[in-house]
C-alpha atoms as a PDB file:
ATOM      1  CA  MET A   1     -24.218  17.841  22.392  1.00  0.00           C
ATOM      2  CA  ARG A   2     -21.938  17.158  18.973  1.00  0.00           C
ATOM      3  CA  GLN A   3     -21.184  14.045  18.079  1.00  0.00           C
ATOM      4  CA  LYS A   4     -17.583  13.099  18.571  1.00  0.00           C
ATOM      5  CA  SER A   5     -17.028  12.618  14.985  1.00  0.00           C
ATOM      6  CA  PHE A   6     -14.728  15.336  13.837  1.00  0.00           C
ATOM      7  CA  VAL A   7     -16.425  18.305  11.916  1.00  0.00           C
ATOM      8  CA  GLN A   8     -14.477  21.153  10.154  1.00  0.00           C
ATOM      9  CA  LEU A   9     -14.709  24.729  12.102  1.00  0.00           C
ATOM     10  CA  SER A  10     -16.869  26.833   9.892  1.00  0.00           C
ATOM     11  CA  TYR A  11     -16.194  30.607   9.066  1.00  0.00           C
ATOM     12  CA  GLU A  12     -19.149  31.578  11.819  1.00  0.00           C
ATOM     13  CA  GLU A  13     -17.480  30.114  14.581  1.00  0.00           C
ATOM     14  CA  ARG A  14     -14.182  31.396  13.672  1.00  0.00           C
ATOM     15  CA  VAL A  15     -15.652  35.012  13.587  1.00  0.00           C
ATOM     16  CA  GLU A  16     -17.343  33.824  17.179  1.00  0.00           C
ATOM     17  CA  ILE A  17     -13.646  32.728  18.312  1.00  0.00           C
ATOM     18  CA  ALA A  18     -11.970  35.640  17.504  1.00  0.00           C
ATOM     19  CA  ALA A  19     -15.006  37.820  19.489  1.00  0.00           C
ATOM     20  CA  LEU A  20     -14.615  35.571  22.663  1.00  0.00           C
ATOM     21  CA  GLN A  21     -10.904  35.514  22.769  1.00  0.00           C
ATOM     22  CA  ARG A  22     -11.068  39.492  22.335  1.00  0.00           C
ATOM     23  CA  SER A  23     -13.303  39.613  25.287  1.00  0.00           C
ATOM     24  CA  GLY A  24     -10.992  37.721  27.084  1.00  0.00           C
ATOM     25  CA  LEU A  25     -12.016  34.091  27.747  1.00  0.00           C
ATOM     26  CA  GLY A  26      -9.733  30.998  27.265  1.00  0.00           C
ATOM     27  CA  VAL A  27      -9.638  27.893  25.153  1.00  0.00           C
ATOM     28  CA  ARG A  28     -11.568  25.833  27.559  1.00  0.00           C
ATOM     29  CA  ALA A  29     -14.708  28.859  27.853  1.00  0.00           C
ATOM     30  CA  ILE A  30     -14.602  29.345  24.529  1.00  0.00           C
ATOM     31  CA  ALA A  31     -14.357  25.571  23.421  1.00  0.00           C
ATOM     32  CA  LEU A  32     -17.532  24.923  26.209  1.00  0.00           C
ATOM     33  CA  ARG A  33     -19.329  27.882  24.471  1.00  0.00           C
ATOM     34  CA  LEU A  34     -18.971  26.575  20.977  1.00  0.00           C
ATOM     35  CA  GLU A  35     -19.387  22.497  22.247  1.00  0.00           C
ATOM     36  CA  ARG A  36     -16.001  21.944  20.979  1.00  0.00           C
ATOM     37  CA  SER A  37     -13.227  20.030  22.354  1.00  0.00           C
ATOM     38  CA  PRO A  38     -10.339  22.215  23.864  1.00  0.00           C
ATOM     39  CA  ASN A  39      -7.772  20.894  21.838  1.00  0.00           C
ATOM     40  CA  THR A  40      -9.550  21.846  18.421  1.00  0.00           C
ATOM     41  CA  ILE A  41      -9.871  25.804  19.748  1.00  0.00           C
ATOM     42  CA  SER A  42      -6.566  25.413  20.869  1.00  0.00           C
ATOM     43  CA  ARG A  43      -4.937  23.984  17.709  1.00  0.00           C
ATOM     44  CA  GLU A  44      -6.858  26.082  15.418  1.00  0.00           C
ATOM     45  CA  LEU A  45      -5.496  29.496  17.677  1.00  0.00           C
ATOM     46  CA  ARG A  46      -2.003  28.340  17.351  1.00  0.00           C
ATOM     47  CA  GLU A  47      -2.083  27.211  13.584  1.00  0.00           C
ATOM     48  CA  LYS A  48      -4.181  29.904  12.072  1.00  0.00           C
ATOM     49  CA  LYS A  49      -2.497  32.659  13.239  1.00  0.00           C
ATOM     50  CA  VAL A  50      -0.896  35.467  11.104  1.00  0.00           C
ATOM     51  CA  ARG A  51       1.931  37.485  12.049  1.00  0.00           C
ATOM     52  CA  GLY A  52       0.794  36.590  15.924  1.00  0.00           C
ATOM     53  CA  MET A  53      -2.817  37.681  15.467  1.00  0.00           C
ATOM     54  CA  TYR A  54      -5.753  35.664  14.708  1.00  0.00           C
ATOM     55  CA  VAL A  55      -8.191  37.071  11.937  1.00  0.00           C
ATOM     56  CA  PRO A  56     -10.941  34.942  10.783  1.00  0.00           C
ATOM     57  CA  LYS A  57     -11.005  35.512   7.329  1.00  0.00           C
ATOM     58  CA  LYS A  58      -7.408  34.466   7.565  1.00  0.00           C
ATOM     59  CA  ALA A  59      -7.763  31.467   9.191  1.00  0.00           C
ATOM     60  CA  GLN A  60     -10.757  30.625   7.004  1.00  0.00           C
ATOM     61  CA  ARG A  61      -8.420  30.979   3.704  1.00  0.00           C
ATOM     62  CA  LYS A  62      -5.571  29.014   5.286  1.00  0.00           C
ATOM     63  CA  THR A  63      -7.774  26.220   6.091  1.00  0.00           C
ATOM     64  CA  TYR A  64      -8.787  26.405   2.316  1.00  0.00           C
ATOM     65  CA  TRP A  65      -5.310  26.409   0.750  1.00  0.00           C
ATOM     66  CA  ARG A  66      -3.710  23.453   3.072  1.00  0.00           C
ATOM     67  CA  ARG A  67      -7.377  21.513   1.866  1.00  0.00           C
ATOM     68  CA  TYR A  68      -6.471  22.249  -1.393  1.00  0.00           C
ATOM     69  CA  ILE A  69      -2.954  21.592  -1.154  1.00  0.00           C
ATOM     70  CA  SER A  70      -3.893  18.044   0.649  1.00  0.00           C
ATOM     71  CA  LYS A  71      -6.160  16.851  -2.183  1.00  0.00           C
ATOM     72  CA  ARG A  72      -3.592  18.337  -4.716  1.00  0.00           C
ATOM     73  CA  ASN A  73      -0.962  16.107  -3.539  1.00  0.00           C
ATOM     74  CA  CYS A  74      -3.446  12.837  -3.510  1.00  0.00           C
ATOM     75  CA  MET A  75      -3.410  13.234  -7.054  1.00  0.00           C
ATOM     76  CA  LYS A  76       0.128  13.998  -7.304  1.00  0.00           C
ATOM     77  CA  VAL A  77       1.047  10.679  -9.567  1.00  0.00           C
ATOM     78  CA  ALA A  78      -2.317  10.823 -11.610  1.00  0.00           C
ATOM     79  CA  LEU A  79      -1.109  14.651 -12.527  1.00  0.00           C
ATOM     80  CA  ASP A  80       2.531  13.287 -13.744  1.00  0.00           C
ATOM     81  CA  PRO A  81       2.106  10.635 -16.397  1.00  0.00           C
ATOM     82  CA  ALA A  82       5.708   9.765 -16.198  1.00  0.00           C
ATOM     83  CA  LEU A  83       5.171   8.799 -12.215  1.00  0.00           C
ATOM     84  CA  GLY A  84       2.028   7.176 -12.993  1.00  0.00           C
ATOM     85  CA  VAL A  85       4.175   4.583 -15.311  1.00  0.00           C
ATOM     86  CA  PHE A  86       6.432   4.083 -12.987  1.00  0.00           C
ATOM     87  CA  VAL A  87       4.240   3.249 -10.190  1.00  0.00           C
ATOM     88  CA  ARG A  88       2.225   1.015 -12.461  1.00  0.00           C
ATOM     89  CA  GLU A  89       5.435  -1.011 -13.512  1.00  0.00           C
ATOM     90  CA  LYS A  90       6.564  -1.241  -9.559  1.00  0.00           C
ATOM     91  CA  LEU A  91       2.518  -2.438  -8.417  1.00  0.00           C
ATOM     92  CA  VAL A  92       3.186  -5.056 -11.086  1.00  0.00           C
ATOM     93  CA  ALA A  93       6.400  -6.163  -9.523  1.00  0.00           C
ATOM     94  CA  SER A  94       4.708  -6.363  -6.477  1.00  0.00           C
ATOM     95  CA  TRP A  95       6.170  -3.475  -4.677  1.00  0.00           C
ATOM     96  CA  SER A  96       3.333  -2.375  -1.841  1.00  0.00           C
ATOM     97  CA  PRO A  97       2.302   1.483  -2.263  1.00  0.00           C
ATOM     98  CA  GLU A  98       4.474   1.871   1.141  1.00  0.00           C
ATOM     99  CA  ARG A  99       7.443   0.872  -0.651  1.00  0.00           C
ATOM    100  CA  ILE A 100       6.933   3.066  -4.072  1.00  0.00           C
ATOM    101  CA  ALA A 101       6.494   6.250  -1.926  1.00  0.00           C
ATOM    102  CA  GLY A 102       9.532   5.151   0.184  1.00  0.00           C
ATOM    103  CA  TYR A 103      11.675   4.560  -2.761  1.00  0.00           C
ATOM    104  CA  LEU A 104      10.637   7.733  -4.679  1.00  0.00           C
ATOM    105  CA  LYS A 105      11.339  10.266  -1.542  1.00  0.00           C
ATOM    106  CA  ARG A 106      14.792   8.577  -1.049  1.00  0.00           C
ATOM    107  CA  ASN A 107      15.801   9.355  -4.267  1.00  0.00           C
ATOM    108  CA  GLY A 108      14.360  12.810  -4.372  1.00  0.00           C
ATOM    109  CA  THR A 109      10.406  12.392  -5.189  1.00  0.00           C
ATOM    110  CA  VAL A 110       8.025  13.514  -2.561  1.00  0.00           C
ATOM    111  CA  VAL A 111       4.989  11.669  -2.895  1.00  0.00           C
ATOM    112  CA  SER A 112       2.741  10.303  -0.189  1.00  0.00           C
ATOM    113  CA  THR A 113       1.845   6.275   0.253  1.00  0.00           C
ATOM    114  CA  LYS A 114      -1.918   7.885   0.454  1.00  0.00           C
ATOM    115  CA  ALA A 115      -1.106   9.422  -2.959  1.00  0.00           C
ATOM    116  CA  VAL A 116       0.057   5.854  -4.673  1.00  0.00           C
ATOM    117  CA  TYR A 117      -3.109   4.209  -2.968  1.00  0.00           C
ATOM    118  CA  LYS A 118      -5.553   7.049  -4.200  1.00  0.00           C
ATOM    119  CA  TYR A 119      -3.879   6.011  -7.675  1.00  0.00           C
ATOM    120  CA  VAL A 120      -4.765   2.218  -7.156  1.00  0.00           C
ATOM    121  CA  TYR A 121      -7.713   2.759  -6.467  1.00  0.00           C
ATOM    122  CA  SER A 122      -8.511   5.293  -8.915  1.00  0.00           C
ATOM    123  CA  ARG A 123      -7.378   3.218 -11.929  1.00  0.00           C
ATOM    124  CA  CYS A 124      -8.546  -0.383 -10.709  1.00  0.00           C
ATOM    125  CA  LEU A 125      -5.480  -1.818 -10.176  1.00  0.00           C
ATOM    126  CA  GLU A 126      -6.133  -3.151  -6.398  1.00  0.00           C
ATOM    127  CA  ARG A 127      -5.282  -6.432  -8.352  1.00  0.00           C
ATOM    128  CA  HIS A 128      -1.696  -5.840  -8.197  1.00  0.00           C
ATOM    129  CA  LEU A 129      -1.464  -5.090  -4.310  1.00  0.00           C
ATOM    130  CA  PHE A 130       0.722  -8.252  -2.940  1.00  0.00           C
ATOM    131  CA  TRP A 131      -0.739  -9.595   0.183  1.00  0.00           C
ATOM    132  CA  ARG A 132      -4.151  -9.259  -1.587  1.00  0.00           C
ATOM    133  CA  LYS A 133      -3.040 -11.028  -4.357  1.00  0.00           C
ATOM    134  CA  HIS A 134      -1.234 -14.098  -3.035  1.00  0.00           C
ATOM    135  CA  HIS A 135      -2.253 -14.248   0.180  1.00  0.00           C
ATOM    136  CA  LYS A 136      -4.783 -14.603   3.053  1.00  0.00           C
ATOM    137  CA  ARG A 137      -3.490 -13.777   6.378  1.00  0.00           C
ATOM    138  CA  GLY A 138      -4.016 -15.925   9.249  1.00  0.00           C
ATOM    139  CA  GLY A 139      -2.265 -16.733  12.708  1.00  0.00           C
ATOM    140  CA  PRO A 140       0.473 -19.007  13.520  1.00  0.00           C
ATOM    141  CA  LYS A 141      -0.653 -22.450  14.611  1.00  0.00           C
ATOM    142  CA  ARG A 142       0.709 -22.809  17.952  1.00  0.00           C
ATOM    143  CA  ARG A 143       1.640 -26.296  19.505  1.00  0.00           C
ATOM    144  CA  SER A 144       2.999 -27.154  23.197  1.00  0.00           C
ATOM    145  CA  PRO A 145       6.824 -27.589  22.395  1.00  0.00           C
ATOM    146  CA  LYS A 146       8.395 -30.963  23.263  1.00  0.00           C
ATOM    147  CA  THR A 147      11.621 -31.356  25.678  1.00  0.00           C
ATOM    148  CA  PRO A 148      14.751 -31.228  22.913  1.00  0.00           C
ATOM    149  CA  ARG A 149      16.254 -34.541  22.723  1.00  0.00           C
ATOM    150  CA  ASP A 150      19.761 -32.993  22.642  1.00  0.00           C
ATOM    151  CA  ALA A 151      21.567 -29.984  23.701  1.00  0.00           C
ATOM    152  CA  ARG A 152      20.102 -27.409  21.165  1.00  0.00           C
ATOM    153  CA  LYS A 153      20.038 -24.119  21.860  1.00  0.00           C
ATOM    154  CA  TYR A 154      16.967 -21.886  22.183  1.00  0.00           C
ATOM    155  CA  ILE A 155      16.096 -18.541  20.336  1.00  0.00           C
ATOM    156  CA  ASP A 156      15.526 -17.254  23.592  1.00  0.00           C
ATOM    157  CA  THR A 157      19.761 -17.119  24.434  1.00  0.00           C
ATOM    158  CA  ARG A 158      20.140 -15.609  20.893  1.00  0.00           C
ATOM    159  CA  PRO A 159      22.503 -12.244  21.083  1.00  0.00           C
ATOM    160  CA  LEU A 160      21.061  -9.244  19.786  1.00  0.00           C
ATOM    161  CA  LEU A 161      21.308  -8.348  16.117  1.00  0.00           C
ATOM    162  CA  LYS A 162      23.934  -5.463  16.001  1.00  0.00           C
ATOM    163  CA  ARG A 163      25.792  -6.205  12.507  1.00  0.00           C
ATOM    164  CA  SER A 164      25.432  -8.672   9.206  1.00  0.00           C
ATOM    165  CA  GLY A 165      26.537 -12.391   9.540  1.00  0.00           C
ATOM    166  CA  HIS A 166      23.375 -13.718  11.517  1.00  0.00           C
ATOM    167  CA  PHE A 167      21.494 -15.697   9.742  1.00  0.00           C
ATOM    168  CA  GLU A 168      17.971 -17.598   9.278  1.00  0.00           C
ATOM    169  CA  ALA A 169      17.224 -20.551   7.020  1.00  0.00           C
ATOM    170  CA  ASP A 170      14.615 -23.100   6.215  1.00  0.00           C
ATOM    171  CA  PHE A 171      13.305 -25.106   3.259  1.00  0.00           C
ATOM    172  CA  ILE A 172      10.942 -25.017   0.681  1.00  0.00           C
ATOM    173  CA  VAL A 173       9.369 -28.288  -0.065  1.00  0.00           C
ATOM    174  CA  SER A 174       8.137 -30.077  -2.911  1.00  0.00           C
ATOM    175  CA  SER A 175       5.273 -32.389  -3.195  1.00  0.00           C
ATOM    176  CA  HIS A 176       6.260 -34.484  -6.171  1.00  0.00           C
ATOM    177  CA  ASN A 177       9.158 -35.719  -4.850  1.00  0.00           C
ATOM    178  CA  THR A 178      12.275 -35.132  -2.475  1.00  0.00           C
ATOM    179  CA  ALA A 179      13.570 -32.031  -3.890  1.00  0.00           C
ATOM    180  CA  SER A 180      13.693 -28.561  -1.973  1.00  0.00           C
ATOM    181  CA  LEU A 181      14.432 -25.052  -1.781  1.00  0.00           C
ATOM    182  CA  LEU A 182      17.116 -23.853   1.112  1.00  0.00           C
ATOM    183  CA  VAL A 183      16.234 -20.313   1.622  1.00  0.00           C
ATOM    184  CA  ILE A 184      18.919 -18.187   3.616  1.00  0.00           C
ATOM    185  CA  VAL A 185      18.490 -14.426   4.754  1.00  0.00           C
ATOM    186  CA  ASP A 186      21.084 -12.336   6.526  1.00  0.00           C
ATOM    187  CA  ARG A 187      18.691 -10.693   9.592  1.00  0.00           C
ATOM    188  CA  TYR A 188      20.709  -7.704   9.083  1.00  0.00           C
ATOM    189  CA  THR A 189      21.176  -7.106   5.302  1.00  0.00           C
ATOM    190  CA  ARG A 190      17.778  -9.050   4.108  1.00  0.00           C
ATOM    191  CA  ALA A 191      20.357 -10.453   1.712  1.00  0.00           C
ATOM    192  CA  THR A 192      18.846 -13.661   0.306  1.00  0.00           C
ATOM    193  CA  ALA A 193      19.957 -17.283  -0.998  1.00  0.00           C
ATOM    194  CA  ILE A 194      18.298 -19.860  -2.738  1.00  0.00           C
ATOM    195  CA  ARG A 195      19.687 -23.349  -3.237  1.00  0.00           C
ATOM    196  CA  ARG A 196      17.966 -26.218  -5.069  1.00  0.00           C
ATOM    197  CA  LEU A 197      18.578 -29.781  -2.936  1.00  0.00           C
ATOM    198  CA  PRO A 198      17.529 -33.256  -4.642  1.00  0.00           C
ATOM    199  CA  ASN A 199      17.125 -34.266  -1.041  1.00  0.00           C
ATOM    200  CA  GLY A 200      17.113 -33.596   2.657  1.00  0.00           C
ATOM    201  CA  LYS A 201      20.169 -35.674   3.289  1.00  0.00           C
ATOM    202  CA  HIS A 202      22.748 -34.412   5.772  1.00  0.00           C
ATOM    203  CA  VAL A 203      25.339 -34.532   3.456  1.00  0.00           C
ATOM    204  CA  THR A 204      23.805 -32.581   0.837  1.00  0.00           C
ATOM    205  CA  VAL A 205      22.504 -29.797   3.534  1.00  0.00           C
ATOM    206  CA  SER A 206      26.102 -29.436   4.944  1.00  0.00           C
ATOM    207  CA  ARG A 207      27.494 -28.898   1.293  1.00  0.00           C
ATOM    208  CA  ALA A 208      24.924 -25.786   0.272  1.00  0.00           C
ATOM    209  CA  PHE A 209      25.081 -24.438   3.548  1.00  0.00           C
ATOM    210  CA  ARG A 210      29.280 -24.527   2.830  1.00  0.00           C
ATOM    211  CA  ASP A 211      28.869 -23.270  -0.747  1.00  0.00           C
ATOM    212  CA  VAL A 212      26.890 -20.212   0.146  1.00  0.00           C
ATOM    213  CA  PHE A 213      29.090 -19.216   3.267  1.00  0.00           C
ATOM    214  CA  ARG A 214      32.083 -19.751   1.730  1.00  0.00           C
ATOM    215  CA  ALA A 215      33.039 -16.110   1.584  1.00  0.00           C
ATOM    216  CA  SER A 216      30.540 -15.417   4.674  1.00  0.00           C
ATOM    217  CA  ARG A 217      31.275 -14.904   8.350  1.00  0.00           C
ATOM    218  CA  VAL A 218      28.606 -16.986   9.960  1.00  0.00           C
ATOM    219  CA  LYS A 219      28.238 -14.944  13.813  1.00  0.00           C
ATOM    220  CA  THR A 220      24.686 -17.189  14.267  1.00  0.00           C
ATOM    221  CA  LEU A 221      22.317 -19.566  12.737  1.00  0.00           C
ATOM    222  CA  THR A 222      18.684 -20.087  13.843  1.00  0.00           C
ATOM    223  CA  LEU A 223      16.577 -22.989  12.024  1.00  0.00           C
ATOM    224  CA  ASP A 224      13.821 -24.952  13.198  1.00  0.00           C
ATOM    225  CA  ASN A 225      13.261 -28.368  14.142  1.00  0.00           C
ATOM    226  CA  ASP A 226      13.663 -30.004  10.583  1.00  0.00           C
ATOM    227  CA  ILE A 227      14.716 -33.428  10.861  1.00  0.00           C
ATOM    228  CA  SER A 228      17.241 -32.479   8.105  1.00  0.00           C
ATOM    229  CA  PHE A 229      19.126 -30.122  11.034  1.00  0.00           C
ATOM    230  CA  ASN A 230      19.578 -33.254  12.992  1.00  0.00           C
ATOM    231  CA  HIS A 231      23.287 -33.210  12.753  1.00  0.00           C
ATOM    232  CA  TRP A 232      23.317 -29.758  13.711  1.00  0.00           C
ATOM    233  CA  GLN A 233      26.414 -30.287  15.924  1.00  0.00           C
ATOM    234  CA  GLU A 234      28.229 -31.403  12.809  1.00  0.00           C
ATOM    235  CA  LEU A 235      27.155 -28.182  11.058  1.00  0.00           C
ATOM    236  CA  GLU A 236      28.218 -25.730  13.804  1.00  0.00           C
ATOM    237  CA  LYS A 237      31.779 -27.125  13.551  1.00  0.00           C
ATOM    238  CA  ALA A 238      31.786 -27.008  10.067  1.00  0.00           C
ATOM    239  CA  LEU A 239      30.497 -23.609   9.560  1.00  0.00           C
ATOM    240  CA  ARG A 240      32.480 -22.300  12.826  1.00  0.00           C
ATOM    241  CA  THR A 241      29.245 -20.775  13.872  1.00  0.00           C
ATOM    242  CA  ARG A 242      26.627 -21.176  16.538  1.00  0.00           C
ATOM    243  CA  ILE A 243      23.250 -22.483  15.737  1.00  0.00           C
ATOM    244  CA  TYR A 244      19.908 -21.385  17.484  1.00  0.00           C
ATOM    245  CA  PHE A 245      16.626 -23.303  16.915  1.00  0.00           C
ATOM    246  CA  THR A 246      12.983 -22.136  17.091  1.00  0.00           C
ATOM    247  CA  HIS A 247      10.966 -23.819  19.985  1.00  0.00           C
ATOM    248  CA  PRO A 248       9.007 -27.010  18.672  1.00  0.00           C
ATOM    249  CA  TYR A 249       5.867 -26.250  16.452  1.00  0.00           C
ATOM    250  CA  HIS A 250       7.069 -22.489  16.593  1.00  0.00           C
ATOM    251  CA  SER A 251       8.737 -22.054  12.841  1.00  0.00           C
ATOM    252  CA  TRP A 252       7.007 -18.417  12.799  1.00  0.00           C
ATOM    253  CA  GLU A 253       9.947 -17.451  15.362  1.00  0.00           C
ATOM    254  CA  LYS A 254      11.786 -17.217  12.368  1.00  0.00           C
ATOM    255  CA  GLY A 255       9.554 -14.725  10.921  1.00  0.00           C
ATOM    256  CA  LEU A 256      12.113 -13.060   7.989  1.00  0.00           C
ATOM    257  CA  VAL A 257      12.719 -16.273   6.341  1.00  0.00           C
ATOM    258  CA  GLU A 258       9.116 -17.440   6.717  1.00  0.00           C
ATOM    259  CA  ASN A 259       8.198 -14.026   5.182  1.00  0.00           C
ATOM    260  CA  THR A 260      10.841 -14.695   2.259  1.00  0.00           C
ATOM    261  CA  ASN A 261       9.240 -17.944   1.748  1.00  0.00           C
ATOM    262  CA  ARG A 262       6.048 -16.593   0.849  1.00  0.00           C
ATOM    263  CA  TRP A 263       7.502 -14.192  -1.484  1.00  0.00           C
ATOM    264  CA  ILE A 264       9.529 -17.188  -3.473  1.00  0.00           C
ATOM    265  CA  ARG A 265       6.453 -19.251  -3.703  1.00  0.00           C
ATOM    266  CA  THR A 266       4.823 -16.184  -5.677  1.00  0.00           C
ATOM    267  CA  PHE A 267       7.281 -17.380  -8.297  1.00  0.00           C
ATOM    268  CA  VAL A 268       7.295 -20.755  -7.237  1.00  0.00           C
ATOM    269  CA  ALA A 269       4.151 -22.285  -7.280  1.00  0.00           C
ATOM    270  CA  LYS A 270       2.725 -24.869  -4.448  1.00  0.00           C
ATOM    271  CA  ARG A 271       1.543 -27.316  -6.792  1.00  0.00           C
ATOM    272  CA  ARG A 272       4.814 -27.365  -8.779  1.00  0.00           C
ATOM    273  CA  ASP A 273       7.566 -29.971  -8.788  1.00  0.00           C
ATOM    274  CA  ILE A 274      10.657 -27.666  -7.122  1.00  0.00           C
ATOM    275  CA  SER A 275      12.911 -30.183  -9.303  1.00  0.00           C
ATOM    276  CA  THR A 276      11.738 -28.534 -12.493  1.00  0.00           C
ATOM    277  CA  VAL A 277      12.722 -25.076 -11.382  1.00  0.00           C
ATOM    278  CA  THR A 278      16.050 -23.969 -13.333  1.00  0.00           C
ATOM    279  CA  ASP A 279      18.951 -21.959 -11.634  1.00  0.00           C
ATOM    280  CA  GLY A 280      18.330 -19.162 -13.722  1.00  0.00           C
ATOM    281  CA  GLU A 281      14.914 -18.825 -12.009  1.00  0.00           C
ATOM    282  CA  LEU A 282      16.156 -19.087  -8.921  1.00  0.00           C
ATOM    283  CA  ARG A 283      19.146 -16.395  -9.533  1.00  0.00           C
ATOM    284  CA  SER A 284      16.038 -14.153 -11.058  1.00  0.00           C
ATOM    285  CA  ILE A 285      14.225 -14.623  -8.061  1.00  0.00           C
ATOM    286  CA  GLU A 286      17.335 -13.640  -5.878  1.00  0.00           C
ATOM    287  CA  LYS A 287      18.057 -10.795  -8.163  1.00  0.00           C
ATOM    288  CA  TYR A 288      13.809  -9.842  -7.241  1.00  0.00           C
ATOM    289  CA  LEU A 289      14.705 -10.364  -3.723  1.00  0.00           C
ATOM    290  CA  ASN A 290      17.934  -8.667  -3.148  1.00  0.00           C
ATOM    291  CA  GLU A 291      17.395  -5.533  -5.444  1.00  0.00           C
ATOM    292  CA  THR A 292      14.009  -4.877  -4.253  1.00  0.00           C
ATOM    293  CA  PRO A 293      14.215  -1.458  -1.607  1.00  0.00           C
ATOM    294  CA  ARG A 294      12.620  -2.620   1.669  1.00  0.00           C
ATOM    295  CA  GLN A 295      11.236  -0.223   4.383  1.00  0.00           C
ATOM    296  CA  CYS A 296      12.999  -1.994   6.966  1.00  0.00           C
ATOM    297  CA  LEU A 297      16.370  -0.928   5.522  1.00  0.00           C
ATOM    298  CA  GLY A 298      14.896   2.666   4.980  1.00  0.00           C
ATOM    299  CA  TYR A 299      13.933   2.054   1.658  1.00  0.00           C
ATOM    300  CA  ARG A 300      17.743   0.886   0.373  1.00  0.00           C
ATOM    301  CA  THR A 301      18.159  -2.593  -0.935  1.00  0.00           C
ATOM    302  CA  ALA A 302      19.993  -5.948   0.255  1.00  0.00           C
ATOM    303  CA  VAL A 303      22.798  -4.998  -1.949  1.00  0.00           C
ATOM    304  CA  GLU A 304      23.374  -1.327  -1.179  1.00  0.00           C
ATOM    305  CA  VAL A 305      23.379  -2.530   2.575  1.00  0.00           C
ATOM    306  CA  GLN A 306      25.953  -5.094   1.905  1.00  0.00           C
ATOM    307  CA  LEU A 307      28.214  -2.636  -0.106  1.00  0.00           C
ATOM    308  CA  SER A 308      27.672  -0.090   2.808  1.00  0.00           C
ATOM    309  CA  GLU A 309      28.706  -3.366   5.591  1.00  0.00           C
ATOM    310  CA  GLN A 310      31.882  -4.121   3.607  1.00  0.00           C
ATOM    311  CA  THR A 311      32.882  -0.499   3.818  1.00  0.00           C
ATOM    312  CA  ARG A 312      32.831  -0.169   7.531  1.00  0.00           C
ATOM    313  CA  CYS A 313      35.417  -0.888   9.763  1.00  0.00           C
ATOM    314  CA  PRO A 314      34.925  -4.493  11.011  1.00  0.00           C
ATOM    315  CA  ASN A 315      34.106  -4.875  14.706  1.00  0.00           C
END
């Protein structure tokens, strides 16, 4: 018996398939005779017919052209200098091959993700692949949850996401002093806001939230159990919203803002003193995050989704 790894049908096998079919044998009988999978024979007879007839020479030629076009498409980026420049620029900007291919397709240029990857490896550009460059993945650290001290609502009871206005928030802290970055992300549009805080006092945190949300309607806000959020009941009243919490030691439950923090860390290194991060840098980071197309948004940017939300009629 043949090994299970797939091997292309040869021309001789195609001649035998045609002869056996003319003799009246069915797909399974032909497959048994050739020691092939019935799915292989069925697909061959279904896809390689020309004007309703299976002819070995034409089936062989059809297979050749399909493979030729597939290989040519994988070289599409390498064969187009302008496309190659675009792909290089976006790789340097930490776009993934999937993101590049999706964005190009959305804008009328059909390029497969495989073609982008082939270009990356053929030009030794692997160093620009984001996760390879910056992170080693690891699973979340799980601990036993503790009983809450107050009547906080957990993420299990959070309402389903339908439109914008549902946010997640978290801190990026500094090892040098009490300075931190407050990161707030809209779960629907992925729009991101970043504020530098001199400390984690309740007044400072509340002021930053009010600044970000002064022109927004906050339907829900999801936080972790950081000590800076212990005044959540006051914050809930000030923002006129409902606040939900991840379970203790389960900060990964608000994965969107956690992933956003990982992106921000590519601009603000862990060893850097956050108090030295300028407003200009923060605006540049926000611009990058909000104007980069995302696969989860159909390769639209957060800005584009926000604009489309604003033009929709409110519920």
